[in-house]
Amino acid sequence: MRPPSFEDAIQRLEEIVELMETGELPLESLLQRFEEGSRLLRSCQQRLAEAELKIQRLEKDLAGDPVARPMDEEDLGTDTTTT
């Protein structure tokens, strides 16, 4: 199953918050919604971090035109060096 788009995840998070704020859900349902919300939040945070890295990689060349640099493994938080 493919993860939801950023916008869909945010919308679902809003729905979860509204459901939880009603105070009408039983404890088990509250825990399930909390877990779902936590997963969605992590997904959104990861996507925002990736977008931020892409933006940081945009540079201007000498003529002032934007140039995208490819992200390297260090930017992605994966270190392929062994110690």
N, C-alpha and C. Protein backbone atom coordinates (compact mmCIF):
# COMPACT_ATOMS: atom_id res chain seq x y z
N MET A 1 0.83 -1.18 0.00
CA MET A 1 0.00 0.00 0.00
C MET A 1 0.88 1.25 0.00
N ARG A 2 0.59 2.15 -0.87
CA ARG A 2 1.34 3.38 -1.04
C ARG A 2 0.96 4.39 0.05
N PRO A 3 1.93 5.10 0.61
CA PRO A 3 1.58 6.10 1.63
C PRO A 3 0.75 7.23 1.01
N PRO A 4 -0.09 7.85 1.82
CA PRO A 4 -0.92 8.94 1.29
C PRO A 4 -0.07 10.14 0.93
N SER A 5 -0.62 10.99 0.07
CA SER A 5 0.09 12.22 -0.26
C SER A 5 0.20 13.07 1.01
N PHE A 6 1.09 14.05 0.96
CA PHE A 6 1.27 14.93 2.10
C PHE A 6 -0.06 15.59 2.47
N GLU A 7 -0.77 16.09 1.47
CA GLU A 7 -2.03 16.78 1.71
C GLU A 7 -3.07 15.84 2.31
N ASP A 8 -3.14 14.60 1.80
CA ASP A 8 -4.09 13.63 2.34
C ASP A 8 -3.74 13.26 3.78
N ALA A 9 -2.45 13.15 4.06
CA ALA A 9 -2.02 12.82 5.42
C ALA A 9 -2.39 13.94 6.39
N ILE A 10 -2.20 15.19 5.98
CA ILE A 10 -2.57 16.32 6.84
C ILE A 10 -4.08 16.33 7.08
N GLN A 11 -4.85 16.09 6.03
CA GLN A 11 -6.30 16.06 6.17
C GLN A 11 -6.73 14.96 7.14
N ARG A 12 -6.12 13.79 7.01
CA ARG A 12 -6.46 12.67 7.91
C ARG A 12 -6.05 13.01 9.34
N LEU A 13 -4.91 13.65 9.53
CA LEU A 13 -4.50 14.05 10.87
C LEU A 13 -5.54 14.98 11.49
N GLU A 14 -6.04 15.92 10.71
CA GLU A 14 -7.08 16.83 11.20
C GLU A 14 -8.34 16.06 11.61
N GLU A 15 -8.71 15.07 10.80
CA GLU A 15 -9.88 14.25 11.12
C GLU A 15 -9.66 13.48 12.43
N ILE A 16 -8.47 12.94 12.60
CA ILE A 16 -8.15 12.18 13.80
C ILE A 16 -8.24 13.08 15.03
N VAL A 17 -7.68 14.27 14.94
CA VAL A 17 -7.73 15.20 16.07
C VAL A 17 -9.18 15.53 16.43
N GLU A 18 -9.99 15.80 15.41
CA GLU A 18 -11.40 16.11 15.67
C GLU A 18 -12.10 14.93 16.36
N LEU A 19 -11.85 13.72 15.87
CA LEU A 19 -12.45 12.53 16.48
C LEU A 19 -12.02 12.38 17.94
N MET A 20 -10.75 12.58 18.19
CA MET A 20 -10.23 12.39 19.54
C MET A 20 -10.74 13.48 20.49
N GLU A 21 -10.96 14.67 19.97
CA GLU A 21 -11.41 15.77 20.81
C GLU A 21 -12.88 15.64 21.21
N THR A 22 -13.64 14.81 20.51
CA THR A 22 -15.06 14.65 20.85
C THR A 22 -15.22 13.99 22.21
N GLY A 23 -14.25 13.17 22.61
CA GLY A 23 -14.36 12.46 23.87
C GLY A 23 -15.34 11.30 23.82
N GLU A 24 -15.80 10.96 22.63
CA GLU A 24 -16.80 9.91 22.49
C GLU A 24 -16.22 8.56 22.10
N LEU A 25 -14.94 8.51 21.75
CA LEU A 25 -14.34 7.25 21.34
C LEU A 25 -13.92 6.43 22.55
N PRO A 26 -14.12 5.12 22.49
CA PRO A 26 -13.61 4.27 23.58
C PRO A 26 -12.08 4.25 23.57
N LEU A 27 -11.51 3.86 24.67
CA LEU A 27 -10.06 3.90 24.84
C LEU A 27 -9.32 3.17 23.72
N GLU A 28 -9.79 1.98 23.35
CA GLU A 28 -9.11 1.21 22.31
C GLU A 28 -9.09 1.97 20.98
N SER A 29 -10.19 2.61 20.64
CA SER A 29 -10.25 3.40 19.41
C SER A 29 -9.34 4.62 19.50
N LEU A 30 -9.29 5.23 20.67
CA LEU A 30 -8.38 6.37 20.87
C LEU A 30 -6.94 5.97 20.64
N LEU A 31 -6.56 4.82 21.18
CA LEU A 31 -5.19 4.34 21.00
C LEU A 31 -4.89 4.04 19.53
N GLN A 32 -5.84 3.45 18.84
CA GLN A 32 -5.65 3.16 17.41
C GLN A 32 -5.50 4.45 16.61
N ARG A 33 -6.33 5.45 16.90
CA ARG A 33 -6.23 6.74 16.20
C ARG A 33 -4.91 7.44 16.53
N PHE A 34 -4.48 7.33 17.79
CA PHE A 34 -3.21 7.92 18.18
C PHE A 34 -2.05 7.29 17.41
N GLU A 35 -2.06 5.97 17.30
CA GLU A 35 -1.01 5.28 16.55
C GLU A 35 -1.03 5.67 15.08
N GLU A 36 -2.22 5.74 14.50
CA GLU A 36 -2.34 6.14 13.10
C GLU A 36 -1.83 7.57 12.91
N GLY A 37 -2.22 8.45 13.81
CA GLY A 37 -1.77 9.84 13.75
C GLY A 37 -0.26 9.96 13.89
N SER A 38 0.32 9.16 14.75
CA SER A 38 1.78 9.19 14.93
C SER A 38 2.50 8.77 13.65
N ARG A 39 1.98 7.73 12.99
CA ARG A 39 2.58 7.29 11.72
C ARG A 39 2.46 8.38 10.66
N LEU A 40 1.29 8.99 10.58
CA LEU A 40 1.08 10.05 9.59
C LEU A 40 1.98 11.24 9.87
N LEU A 41 2.13 11.58 11.15
CA LEU A 41 2.99 12.70 11.52
C LEU A 41 4.44 12.45 11.12
N ARG A 42 4.94 11.25 11.39
CA ARG A 42 6.32 10.91 10.99
C ARG A 42 6.48 11.00 9.48
N SER A 43 5.49 10.52 8.75
CA SER A 43 5.54 10.57 7.29
C SER A 43 5.59 12.02 6.81
N CYS A 44 4.75 12.87 7.39
CA CYS A 44 4.74 14.28 6.99
C CYS A 44 6.06 14.96 7.34
N GLN A 45 6.59 14.68 8.51
CA GLN A 45 7.87 15.28 8.90
C GLN A 45 8.98 14.86 7.97
N GLN A 46 8.99 13.59 7.57
CA GLN A 46 10.01 13.10 6.64
C GLN A 46 9.88 13.80 5.29
N ARG A 47 8.67 13.93 4.80
CA ARG A 47 8.48 14.60 3.51
C ARG A 47 8.88 16.06 3.57
N LEU A 48 8.58 16.73 4.67
CA LEU A 48 9.00 18.12 4.82
C LEU A 48 10.52 18.25 4.87
N ALA A 49 11.17 17.32 5.55
CA ALA A 49 12.64 17.34 5.62
C ALA A 49 13.23 17.12 4.23
N GLU A 50 12.65 16.21 3.46
CA GLU A 50 13.14 15.97 2.11
C GLU A 50 12.94 17.20 1.23
N ALA A 51 11.80 17.84 1.37
CA ALA A 51 11.53 19.06 0.58
C ALA A 51 12.51 20.17 0.97
N GLU A 52 12.80 20.27 2.25
CA GLU A 52 13.75 21.29 2.70
C GLU A 52 15.13 21.05 2.11
N LEU A 53 15.55 19.80 2.07
CA LEU A 53 16.84 19.48 1.47
C LEU A 53 16.88 19.85 -0.01
N LYS A 54 15.81 19.58 -0.70
CA LYS A 54 15.75 19.92 -2.13
C LYS A 54 15.86 21.43 -2.32
N ILE A 55 15.16 22.16 -1.48
CA ILE A 55 15.22 23.62 -1.57
C ILE A 55 16.62 24.13 -1.28
N GLN A 56 17.27 23.56 -0.27
CA GLN A 56 18.62 23.97 0.08
C GLN A 56 19.60 23.69 -1.04
N ARG A 57 19.31 22.69 -1.86
CA ARG A 57 20.20 22.33 -2.96
C ARG A 57 20.09 23.27 -4.15
N LEU A 58 19.05 24.08 -4.16
CA LEU A 58 18.92 25.03 -5.27
C LEU A 58 19.93 26.16 -5.07
N GLU A 59 20.73 26.35 -6.03
CA GLU A 59 21.74 27.40 -5.99
C GLU A 59 21.64 28.22 -7.26
N LYS A 60 22.27 29.33 -7.24
CA LYS A 60 22.31 30.14 -8.44
C LYS A 60 23.71 30.07 -9.04
N ASP A 61 23.75 29.95 -10.35
CA ASP A 61 25.03 29.96 -11.03
C ASP A 61 25.50 31.41 -11.19
N LEU A 62 26.59 31.60 -11.85
CA LEU A 62 27.15 32.94 -12.00
C LEU A 62 26.21 33.90 -12.72
N ALA A 63 25.34 33.39 -13.56
CA ALA A 63 24.40 34.24 -14.28
C ALA A 63 23.14 34.51 -13.47
N GLY A 64 23.05 33.91 -12.29
CA GLY A 64 21.88 34.11 -11.45
C GLY A 64 20.76 33.12 -11.71
N ASP A 65 21.01 32.17 -12.59
CA ASP A 65 19.99 31.16 -12.87
C ASP A 65 20.05 30.05 -11.83
N PRO A 66 18.91 29.57 -11.36
CA PRO A 66 18.93 28.50 -10.37
C PRO A 66 19.47 27.20 -10.96
N VAL A 67 20.26 26.52 -10.17
CA VAL A 67 20.84 25.24 -10.57
C VAL A 67 20.59 24.27 -9.43
N ALA A 68 20.01 23.14 -9.75
CA ALA A 68 19.77 22.12 -8.74
C ALA A 68 20.98 21.20 -8.66
N ARG A 69 21.47 20.99 -7.45
CA ARG A 69 22.55 20.04 -7.24
C ARG A 69 21.94 18.74 -6.75
N PRO A 70 22.44 17.61 -7.20
CA PRO A 70 21.90 16.34 -6.70
C PRO A 70 22.24 16.18 -5.22
N MET A 71 21.32 15.57 -4.50
CA MET A 71 21.57 15.31 -3.08
C MET A 71 22.51 14.12 -2.98
N ASP A 72 23.42 14.19 -2.03
CA ASP A 72 24.29 13.05 -1.82
C ASP A 72 23.80 12.28 -0.60
N GLU A 73 24.44 11.16 -0.31
CA GLU A 73 24.00 10.30 0.78
C GLU A 73 24.10 10.98 2.13
N GLU A 74 25.04 11.90 2.30
CA GLU A 74 25.17 12.63 3.55
C GLU A 74 23.92 13.46 3.81
N ASP A 75 23.36 14.06 2.75
CA ASP A 75 22.15 14.87 2.88
C ASP A 75 20.96 14.02 3.31
N LEU A 76 20.94 12.78 2.88
CA LEU A 76 19.82 11.90 3.19
C LEU A 76 19.98 11.22 4.53
N GLY A 77 21.10 11.45 5.21
CA GLY A 77 21.31 10.84 6.50
C GLY A 77 21.80 9.41 6.44
N THR A 78 22.26 9.00 5.26
CA THR A 78 22.79 7.64 5.13
C THR A 78 24.29 7.75 4.92
N ASP A 79 25.01 7.15 5.79
CA ASP A 79 26.46 7.19 5.72
C ASP A 79 26.96 5.85 5.23
N THR A 80 27.62 5.84 4.09
CA THR A 80 28.09 4.58 3.53
C THR A 80 29.53 4.27 3.94
N THR A 81 30.15 5.15 4.71
CA THR A 81 31.51 4.88 5.16
C THR A 81 31.46 3.95 6.35
N THR A 82 32.46 3.11 6.46
CA THR A 82 32.54 2.20 7.58
C THR A 82 33.69 2.63 8.48
N THR A 83 33.48 2.50 9.77
CA THR A 83 34.52 2.89 10.71
C THR A 83 35.07 1.70 11.42
